[in-house]
Every structure is written in structure tokens, then in C-alpha cells.
Amino acid sequence: MIHIRFERSPNTLIYSGDYFGLNYEREWFRDPLVQQIVQDIDRSTVVSDSVIDSPVLDFIGPRDLSNGAKTLILMLKEPEHEFNGTAIRDNCGAWMIRIGKMHDITVVFRRIFRFHPPAEKDVADINAVCDFNGMRIDSMVDYMAAYNDYVLKME
């Protein structure tokens, strides 16, 4: 399940890309799910546990992946952290939902986050709960209701 928060705590990994660069393990890149994340988010191919073939940057190392890919890999491999969802793009939403179905993750959003591409009207089955008010979030409508509840109570 995804636990959604709208405020950071002292435990929030604000710079998950920096944390990733210092803490990732090469063996993570042997995992087919990690390889799929890299392909889907960065359009790059994992060649080995230390080489990634990027159509834009040529051959790169894991530290050179996008912040979104690095954050998703951390969600998959080290779910005990609280992640800064504001720092990743909406194209990570489907993966976040998938990872949230594997194990609990906590994500902080300080903006409206779309869990789906803009062309889609809505996405269902988000499988989340808002830690601020306990609201169940299964769709973008639910997410917006929880977000609006938070914003209105802050005024």
C-alpha cells in the first residue's frame, strides 16, 4: 500500500538521487523489475550491473539515471524510507502503484501528482491511504479529495 503524506518529516529522503548514488548496490541492476523501470522511465537498457545504454547520454552508470528512476528503484529495494514524490515526474505513477502493491511505501507530495499520463481520464486501483486524514485513495478523484481536505485545513 502507498501511504501518502502532504508534509515532509525529518525522515523524508528529500534528495533521493544523492542517497541512491551513495547507497545503491550493483546487484539491484540484475533484477528484471529494475531493468524494466530503467527501460520505461529513462528509455535506457541495462547492459550490466554497472553499465546502462542511454539513447541520449550513450553509456552511463547507475548514478546518471533520472531522479525518477532512482527513486522508484529505492522504493522497490529500500521501501523503509519516506520518499519525496514531489521531486519525480508523473510518468513514475504507474510504477509507484505497482511497487505499492508489493510492499508498503510512504510518499510525500507537495503538489498535485498525476498517477497516470494526462491522456487518460482517471486511474483506478491506486491502493493508497492519506496519512493526514485516513482517507482511502483508489483513484485520482480520491487523491484530489484528500489533497483538497489537507489544503483547506491548512488555511
N, C-alpha and C. Protein backbone atom coordinates (compact mmCIF):
# COMPACT_ATOMS: atom_id res chain seq x y z
N MET A 1 0.84 -1.18 0.00
CA MET A 1 0.00 0.00 0.00
C MET A 1 0.88 1.24 0.00
N ILE A 2 0.38 2.29 -0.64
CA ILE A 2 1.08 3.57 -0.64
C ILE A 2 0.49 4.44 0.47
N HIS A 3 1.34 4.92 1.33
CA HIS A 3 0.94 5.88 2.37
C HIS A 3 1.31 7.26 1.83
N ILE A 4 0.31 8.10 1.66
CA ILE A 4 0.53 9.42 1.08
C ILE A 4 0.51 10.47 2.18
N ARG A 5 1.51 11.33 2.14
CA ARG A 5 1.59 12.48 3.05
C ARG A 5 1.74 13.74 2.22
N PHE A 6 1.33 14.85 2.79
CA PHE A 6 1.45 16.13 2.09
C PHE A 6 2.46 17.05 2.78
N GLU A 7 3.08 16.56 3.83
CA GLU A 7 4.13 17.33 4.51
C GLU A 7 5.33 16.43 4.74
N ARG A 8 6.51 17.00 4.59
CA ARG A 8 7.73 16.25 4.86
C ARG A 8 7.90 16.06 6.36
N SER A 9 8.63 15.03 6.70
CA SER A 9 9.03 14.81 8.09
C SER A 9 10.55 14.74 8.12
N PRO A 10 11.15 14.69 9.29
CA PRO A 10 12.61 14.54 9.34
C PRO A 10 13.11 13.26 8.66
N ASN A 11 12.20 12.30 8.46
CA ASN A 11 12.60 11.04 7.84
C ASN A 11 12.50 11.04 6.31
N THR A 12 11.99 12.12 5.72
CA THR A 12 11.81 12.17 4.27
C THR A 12 13.16 12.24 3.56
N LEU A 13 13.36 11.35 2.60
CA LEU A 13 14.54 11.41 1.74
C LEU A 13 14.29 12.51 0.71
N ILE A 14 14.71 13.71 1.01
CA ILE A 14 14.44 14.84 0.13
C ILE A 14 15.23 14.71 -1.17
N TYR A 15 16.48 14.30 -1.07
CA TYR A 15 17.33 14.14 -2.24
C TYR A 15 17.62 12.66 -2.46
N SER A 16 16.61 11.95 -2.93
CA SER A 16 16.77 10.51 -3.10
C SER A 16 17.83 10.17 -4.13
N GLY A 17 18.04 11.04 -5.10
CA GLY A 17 19.09 10.79 -6.09
C GLY A 17 20.48 10.76 -5.47
N ASP A 18 20.72 11.69 -4.54
CA ASP A 18 22.01 11.71 -3.83
C ASP A 18 22.16 10.48 -2.95
N TYR A 19 21.08 10.14 -2.23
CA TYR A 19 21.11 8.95 -1.38
C TYR A 19 21.39 7.71 -2.23
N PHE A 20 20.71 7.61 -3.36
CA PHE A 20 20.89 6.48 -4.26
C PHE A 20 22.35 6.37 -4.69
N GLY A 21 22.94 7.49 -5.09
CA GLY A 21 24.32 7.49 -5.56
C GLY A 21 25.30 6.96 -4.55
N LEU A 22 25.01 7.15 -3.29
CA LEU A 22 25.91 6.69 -2.23
C LEU A 22 25.58 5.29 -1.72
N ASN A 23 24.37 4.80 -1.99
CA ASN A 23 23.92 3.57 -1.34
C ASN A 23 23.43 2.46 -2.26
N TYR A 24 23.32 2.69 -3.57
CA TYR A 24 22.78 1.64 -4.43
C TYR A 24 23.75 0.45 -4.47
N GLU A 25 23.20 -0.69 -4.78
CA GLU A 25 24.01 -1.91 -4.90
C GLU A 25 23.96 -2.37 -6.35
N ARG A 26 25.10 -2.72 -6.88
CA ARG A 26 25.18 -3.12 -8.29
C ARG A 26 24.26 -4.30 -8.59
N GLU A 27 24.11 -5.19 -7.64
CA GLU A 27 23.26 -6.37 -7.87
C GLU A 27 21.81 -6.01 -8.14
N TRP A 28 21.35 -4.83 -7.69
CA TRP A 28 19.99 -4.40 -7.96
C TRP A 28 19.70 -4.42 -9.46
N PHE A 29 20.71 -4.13 -10.26
CA PHE A 29 20.52 -4.00 -11.70
C PHE A 29 20.46 -5.34 -12.42
N ARG A 30 20.56 -6.42 -11.68
CA ARG A 30 20.32 -7.76 -12.23
C ARG A 30 18.85 -8.14 -12.09
N ASP A 31 18.10 -7.38 -11.32
CA ASP A 31 16.68 -7.62 -11.08
C ASP A 31 15.88 -7.20 -12.32
N PRO A 32 15.09 -8.10 -12.90
CA PRO A 32 14.29 -7.75 -14.08
C PRO A 32 13.35 -6.55 -13.86
N LEU A 33 12.82 -6.38 -12.64
CA LEU A 33 11.95 -5.22 -12.39
C LEU A 33 12.73 -3.91 -12.46
N VAL A 34 13.94 -3.90 -11.92
CA VAL A 34 14.78 -2.71 -12.01
C VAL A 34 15.09 -2.42 -13.48
N GLN A 35 15.39 -3.44 -14.24
CA GLN A 35 15.67 -3.27 -15.66
C GLN A 35 14.45 -2.70 -16.39
N GLN A 36 13.25 -3.15 -16.01
CA GLN A 36 12.03 -2.63 -16.63
C GLN A 36 11.80 -1.16 -16.25
N ILE A 37 12.08 -0.81 -14.99
CA ILE A 37 11.95 0.58 -14.56
C ILE A 37 12.87 1.47 -15.38
N VAL A 38 14.12 1.07 -15.53
CA VAL A 38 15.10 1.86 -16.29
C VAL A 38 14.64 2.01 -17.74
N GLN A 39 14.14 0.94 -18.32
CA GLN A 39 13.67 0.99 -19.71
C GLN A 39 12.45 1.90 -19.84
N ASP A 40 11.50 1.76 -18.95
CA ASP A 40 10.25 2.50 -19.04
C ASP A 40 10.43 3.98 -18.72
N ILE A 41 11.14 4.30 -17.67
CA ILE A 41 11.26 5.69 -17.21
C ILE A 41 12.32 6.45 -17.99
N ASP A 42 13.48 5.85 -18.21
CA ASP A 42 14.58 6.56 -18.88
C ASP A 42 14.81 6.12 -20.33
N ARG A 43 14.00 5.15 -20.81
CA ARG A 43 14.16 4.65 -22.18
C ARG A 43 15.59 4.14 -22.41
N SER A 44 16.17 3.54 -21.39
CA SER A 44 17.55 3.05 -21.43
C SER A 44 17.57 1.57 -21.13
N THR A 45 18.65 0.91 -21.56
CA THR A 45 18.78 -0.53 -21.41
C THR A 45 19.92 -0.85 -20.45
N VAL A 46 19.62 -1.68 -19.46
CA VAL A 46 20.67 -2.13 -18.54
C VAL A 46 21.50 -3.17 -19.28
N VAL A 47 22.77 -2.88 -19.48
CA VAL A 47 23.69 -3.78 -20.17
C VAL A 47 24.34 -4.73 -19.17
N SER A 48 24.72 -4.18 -18.02
CA SER A 48 25.30 -4.97 -16.93
C SER A 48 24.96 -4.26 -15.63
N ASP A 49 25.48 -4.78 -14.53
CA ASP A 49 25.14 -4.14 -13.25
C ASP A 49 25.83 -2.80 -13.03
N SER A 50 26.65 -2.37 -14.00
CA SER A 50 27.29 -1.06 -13.86
C SER A 50 27.26 -0.23 -15.15
N VAL A 51 26.62 -0.76 -16.20
CA VAL A 51 26.56 -0.04 -17.48
C VAL A 51 25.12 -0.01 -18.00
N ILE A 52 24.69 1.19 -18.38
CA ILE A 52 23.36 1.39 -18.91
C ILE A 52 23.51 2.11 -20.25
N ASP A 53 22.82 1.62 -21.25
CA ASP A 53 22.87 2.21 -22.58
C ASP A 53 21.70 3.19 -22.73
N SER A 54 22.04 4.48 -22.76
CA SER A 54 21.05 5.54 -22.87
C SER A 54 21.04 6.09 -24.29
N PRO A 55 19.85 6.23 -24.90
CA PRO A 55 19.80 6.77 -26.25
C PRO A 55 20.20 8.25 -26.32
N VAL A 56 20.20 8.92 -25.18
CA VAL A 56 20.54 10.34 -25.14
C VAL A 56 21.97 10.56 -24.66
N LEU A 57 22.37 9.82 -23.63
CA LEU A 57 23.67 10.05 -22.99
C LEU A 57 24.74 9.03 -23.34
N ASP A 58 24.42 8.05 -24.17
CA ASP A 58 25.31 6.96 -24.55
C ASP A 58 25.45 6.00 -23.37
N PHE A 59 26.62 5.53 -23.07
CA PHE A 59 26.79 4.60 -21.96
C PHE A 59 26.99 5.37 -20.66
N ILE A 60 26.18 5.03 -19.66
CA ILE A 60 26.21 5.72 -18.38
C ILE A 60 26.25 4.70 -17.25
N GLY A 61 26.50 5.17 -16.05
CA GLY A 61 26.43 4.34 -14.86
C GLY A 61 25.11 4.57 -14.14
N PRO A 62 24.80 3.76 -13.16
CA PRO A 62 23.54 3.91 -12.41
C PRO A 62 23.34 5.28 -11.78
N ARG A 63 24.42 5.94 -11.38
CA ARG A 63 24.30 7.26 -10.76
C ARG A 63 23.77 8.32 -11.74
N ASP A 64 23.85 8.04 -13.04
CA ASP A 64 23.43 9.00 -14.05
C ASP A 64 21.98 8.84 -14.49
N LEU A 65 21.26 7.92 -13.89
CA LEU A 65 19.83 7.74 -14.21
C LEU A 65 19.05 8.97 -13.75
N SER A 66 17.84 9.09 -14.23
CA SER A 66 16.98 10.20 -13.79
C SER A 66 16.62 10.03 -12.32
N ASN A 67 16.24 11.12 -11.70
CA ASN A 67 15.82 11.07 -10.30
C ASN A 67 14.59 10.17 -10.13
N GLY A 68 13.71 10.18 -11.11
CA GLY A 68 12.52 9.33 -11.05
C GLY A 68 12.88 7.86 -11.01
N ALA A 69 13.76 7.43 -11.92
CA ALA A 69 14.17 6.02 -11.95
C ALA A 69 14.88 5.64 -10.65
N LYS A 70 15.75 6.51 -10.17
CA LYS A 70 16.47 6.21 -8.92
C LYS A 70 15.51 6.10 -7.74
N THR A 71 14.54 7.00 -7.68
CA THR A 71 13.57 6.96 -6.57
C THR A 71 12.73 5.70 -6.62
N LEU A 72 12.28 5.31 -7.81
CA LEU A 72 11.49 4.08 -7.94
C LEU A 72 12.30 2.85 -7.55
N ILE A 73 13.56 2.82 -7.95
CA ILE A 73 14.42 1.68 -7.58
C ILE A 73 14.58 1.63 -6.06
N LEU A 74 14.74 2.78 -5.43
CA LEU A 74 14.82 2.81 -3.96
C LEU A 74 13.50 2.34 -3.33
N MET A 75 12.37 2.74 -3.91
CA MET A 75 11.08 2.29 -3.39
C MET A 75 10.99 0.76 -3.46
N LEU A 76 11.53 0.20 -4.51
CA LEU A 76 11.50 -1.25 -4.69
C LEU A 76 12.48 -1.94 -3.75
N LYS A 77 13.67 -1.40 -3.62
CA LYS A 77 14.74 -2.09 -2.89
C LYS A 77 14.88 -1.68 -1.42
N GLU A 78 14.50 -0.47 -1.08
CA GLU A 78 14.61 0.01 0.31
C GLU A 78 13.32 0.74 0.70
N PRO A 79 12.21 0.00 0.77
CA PRO A 79 10.91 0.64 0.99
C PRO A 79 10.73 1.25 2.38
N GLU A 80 11.65 1.03 3.28
CA GLU A 80 11.50 1.56 4.63
C GLU A 80 11.65 3.08 4.70
N HIS A 81 12.14 3.70 3.63
CA HIS A 81 12.31 5.15 3.62
C HIS A 81 10.99 5.86 3.32
N GLU A 82 10.97 7.14 3.61
CA GLU A 82 9.85 8.02 3.22
C GLU A 82 10.36 8.84 2.04
N PHE A 83 9.67 8.75 0.91
CA PHE A 83 10.19 9.30 -0.34
C PHE A 83 9.55 10.64 -0.71
N ASN A 84 10.34 11.49 -1.34
CA ASN A 84 9.88 12.79 -1.80
C ASN A 84 9.28 12.63 -3.20
N GLY A 85 7.97 12.47 -3.27
CA GLY A 85 7.29 12.31 -4.54
C GLY A 85 7.21 13.58 -5.35
N THR A 86 7.44 14.71 -4.72
CA THR A 86 7.39 15.99 -5.42
C THR A 86 8.54 16.11 -6.41
N ALA A 87 9.62 15.41 -6.15
CA ALA A 87 10.83 15.53 -6.98
C ALA A 87 10.83 14.60 -8.19
N ILE A 88 9.77 13.81 -8.36
CA ILE A 88 9.72 12.91 -9.52
C ILE A 88 8.55 13.29 -10.42
N ARG A 89 8.64 12.88 -11.66
CA ARG A 89 7.60 13.24 -12.63
C ARG A 89 6.44 12.26 -12.57
N ASP A 90 5.33 12.71 -13.15
CA ASP A 90 4.11 11.91 -13.14
C ASP A 90 4.26 10.58 -13.89
N ASN A 91 5.25 10.46 -14.79
CA ASN A 91 5.44 9.21 -15.51
C ASN A 91 5.86 8.07 -14.59
N CYS A 92 6.16 8.37 -13.35
CA CYS A 92 6.53 7.34 -12.36
C CYS A 92 5.32 6.77 -11.63
N GLY A 93 4.15 7.34 -11.85
CA GLY A 93 2.95 6.96 -11.11
C GLY A 93 2.57 5.50 -11.24
N ALA A 94 2.56 4.97 -12.44
CA ALA A 94 2.17 3.57 -12.63
C ALA A 94 3.12 2.62 -11.90
N TRP A 95 4.41 2.94 -11.95
CA TRP A 95 5.37 2.10 -11.22
C TRP A 95 5.19 2.22 -9.72
N MET A 96 4.89 3.42 -9.25
CA MET A 96 4.66 3.62 -7.83
C MET A 96 3.48 2.76 -7.36
N ILE A 97 2.41 2.73 -8.16
CA ILE A 97 1.24 1.91 -7.83
C ILE A 97 1.64 0.44 -7.79
N ARG A 98 2.41 0.01 -8.78
CA ARG A 98 2.84 -1.40 -8.84
C ARG A 98 3.70 -1.77 -7.64
N ILE A 99 4.64 -0.91 -7.28
CA ILE A 99 5.52 -1.18 -6.13
C ILE A 99 4.70 -1.16 -4.84
N GLY A 100 3.73 -0.25 -4.74
CA GLY A 100 2.87 -0.17 -3.56
C GLY A 100 2.02 -1.41 -3.36
N LYS A 101 1.82 -2.18 -4.41
CA LYS A 101 1.10 -3.45 -4.28
C LYS A 101 2.01 -4.58 -3.82
N MET A 102 3.33 -4.37 -3.93
CA MET A 102 4.29 -5.38 -3.48
C MET A 102 4.62 -5.23 -1.99
N HIS A 103 4.74 -3.98 -1.56
CA HIS A 103 5.01 -3.70 -0.15
C HIS A 103 4.65 -2.25 0.16
N ASP A 104 4.56 -1.93 1.44
CA ASP A 104 4.20 -0.57 1.87
C ASP A 104 5.32 0.40 1.52
N ILE A 105 4.91 1.55 0.99
CA ILE A 105 5.84 2.66 0.78
C ILE A 105 5.16 3.94 1.24
N THR A 106 5.95 4.90 1.68
CA THR A 106 5.43 6.20 2.10
C THR A 106 6.00 7.25 1.17
N VAL A 107 5.09 8.07 0.61
CA VAL A 107 5.49 9.08 -0.36
C VAL A 107 4.90 10.43 0.05
N VAL A 108 5.73 11.46 0.00
CA VAL A 108 5.30 12.82 0.33
C VAL A 108 5.12 13.60 -0.97
N PHE A 109 3.94 14.17 -1.15
CA PHE A 109 3.64 15.02 -2.30
C PHE A 109 3.35 16.42 -1.81
N ARG A 110 4.04 17.39 -2.34
CA ARG A 110 3.76 18.79 -2.02
C ARG A 110 3.22 19.50 -3.25
N ARG A 111 2.58 18.71 -4.10
CA ARG A 111 1.93 19.21 -5.31
C ARG A 111 0.90 18.17 -5.73
N ILE A 112 0.09 18.50 -6.71
CA ILE A 112 -0.84 17.52 -7.25
C ILE A 112 -0.03 16.57 -8.12
N PHE A 113 -0.09 15.32 -7.81
CA PHE A 113 0.64 14.29 -8.55
C PHE A 113 -0.34 13.48 -9.36
N ARG A 114 -0.07 13.34 -10.64
CA ARG A 114 -0.93 12.54 -11.52
C ARG A 114 -0.34 11.14 -11.59
N PHE A 115 -1.12 10.17 -11.24
CA PHE A 115 -0.65 8.79 -11.25
C PHE A 115 -0.79 8.14 -12.63
N HIS A 116 -1.05 8.93 -13.64
CA HIS A 116 -1.28 8.40 -14.98
C HIS A 116 -0.93 9.47 -16.01
N PRO A 117 -0.73 9.07 -17.26
CA PRO A 117 -0.47 10.07 -18.30
C PRO A 117 -1.68 10.99 -18.46
N PRO A 118 -1.46 12.25 -18.83
CA PRO A 118 -2.58 13.20 -18.98
C PRO A 118 -3.66 12.75 -19.95
N ALA A 119 -3.32 11.93 -20.93
CA ALA A 119 -4.32 11.48 -21.91
C ALA A 119 -5.40 10.59 -21.28
N GLU A 120 -5.06 9.93 -20.18
CA GLU A 120 -6.04 9.07 -19.51
C GLU A 120 -6.91 9.92 -18.60
N LYS A 121 -8.20 9.66 -18.60
CA LYS A 121 -9.13 10.44 -17.78
C LYS A 121 -8.91 10.21 -16.29
N ASP A 122 -8.75 8.96 -15.90
CA ASP A 122 -8.59 8.64 -14.50
C ASP A 122 -7.87 7.31 -14.40
N VAL A 123 -7.30 7.07 -13.26
CA VAL A 123 -6.67 5.79 -13.00
C VAL A 123 -7.31 5.24 -11.73
N ALA A 124 -7.62 4.01 -11.73
CA ALA A 124 -8.22 3.39 -10.55
C ALA A 124 -7.22 2.44 -9.92
N ASP A 125 -7.57 1.96 -8.76
CA ASP A 125 -6.75 0.94 -8.09
C ASP A 125 -5.39 1.47 -7.65
N ILE A 126 -5.36 2.71 -7.15
CA ILE A 126 -4.10 3.28 -6.66
C ILE A 126 -3.65 2.55 -5.39
N ASN A 127 -4.60 2.08 -4.59
CA ASN A 127 -4.28 1.33 -3.38
C ASN A 127 -3.43 2.15 -2.41
N ALA A 128 -3.99 3.28 -1.98
CA ALA A 128 -3.26 4.17 -1.09
C ALA A 128 -4.18 4.65 0.04
N VAL A 129 -3.54 5.23 1.03
CA VAL A 129 -4.26 5.86 2.13
C VAL A 129 -3.54 7.18 2.43
N CYS A 130 -4.32 8.21 2.73
CA CYS A 130 -3.76 9.50 3.10
C CYS A 130 -3.50 9.49 4.60
N ASP A 131 -2.25 9.62 4.99
CA ASP A 131 -1.91 9.58 6.41
C ASP A 131 -2.42 10.81 7.16
N PHE A 132 -2.72 11.90 6.45
CA PHE A 132 -3.22 13.12 7.08
C PHE A 132 -4.61 12.94 7.67
N ASN A 133 -5.50 12.29 6.90
CA ASN A 133 -6.89 12.19 7.34
C ASN A 133 -7.46 10.77 7.28
N GLY A 134 -6.64 9.81 6.90
CA GLY A 134 -7.08 8.42 6.86
C GLY A 134 -7.94 8.05 5.66
N MET A 135 -8.11 9.00 4.73
CA MET A 135 -8.94 8.73 3.55
C MET A 135 -8.30 7.66 2.67
N ARG A 136 -9.12 6.76 2.20
CA ARG A 136 -8.71 5.72 1.25
C ARG A 136 -8.60 6.35 -0.13
N ILE A 137 -7.54 6.06 -0.85
CA ILE A 137 -7.31 6.64 -2.18
C ILE A 137 -7.18 5.52 -3.19
N ASP A 138 -8.19 5.38 -4.03
CA ASP A 138 -8.16 4.36 -5.08
C ASP A 138 -8.21 4.96 -6.47
N SER A 139 -8.39 6.28 -6.58
CA SER A 139 -8.49 6.94 -7.88
C SER A 139 -7.98 8.37 -7.75
N MET A 140 -7.85 9.04 -8.88
CA MET A 140 -7.43 10.44 -8.86
C MET A 140 -8.48 11.31 -8.18
N VAL A 141 -9.75 10.95 -8.30
CA VAL A 141 -10.81 11.70 -7.62
C VAL A 141 -10.58 11.62 -6.10
N ASP A 142 -10.27 10.42 -5.60
CA ASP A 142 -9.99 10.25 -4.17
C ASP A 142 -8.75 11.05 -3.77
N TYR A 143 -7.72 11.00 -4.61
CA TYR A 143 -6.48 11.74 -4.31
C TYR A 143 -6.77 13.23 -4.20
N MET A 144 -7.53 13.76 -5.16
CA MET A 144 -7.86 15.19 -5.14
C MET A 144 -8.69 15.55 -3.91
N ALA A 145 -9.59 14.68 -3.50
CA ALA A 145 -10.40 14.94 -2.30
C ALA A 145 -9.50 15.01 -1.07
N ALA A 146 -8.56 14.09 -0.95
CA ALA A 146 -7.64 14.10 0.18
C ALA A 146 -6.75 15.33 0.15
N TYR A 147 -6.25 15.67 -1.04
CA TYR A 147 -5.39 16.85 -1.20
C TYR A 147 -6.16 18.13 -0.84
N ASN A 148 -7.37 18.24 -1.36
CA ASN A 148 -8.20 19.42 -1.06
C ASN A 148 -8.52 19.51 0.43
N ASP A 149 -8.81 18.39 1.08
CA ASP A 149 -9.06 18.36 2.52
C ASP A 149 -7.85 18.90 3.27
N TYR A 150 -6.68 18.47 2.86
CA TYR A 150 -5.43 18.94 3.51
C TYR A 150 -5.25 20.45 3.30
N VAL A 151 -5.40 20.91 2.06
CA VAL A 151 -5.19 22.33 1.75
C VAL A 151 -6.21 23.19 2.50
N LEU A 152 -7.47 22.79 2.53
CA LEU A 152 -8.49 23.59 3.21
C LEU A 152 -8.25 23.66 4.72
N LYS A 153 -7.75 22.59 5.30
CA LYS A 153 -7.49 22.60 6.75
C LYS A 153 -6.25 23.42 7.08
N MET A 154 -5.40 23.68 6.10
CA MET A 154 -4.19 24.46 6.36
C MET A 154 -4.48 25.97 6.31
N GLU A 155 -5.61 26.34 5.73
CA GLU A 155 -5.94 27.78 5.61
C GLU A 155 -6.44 28.35 6.89
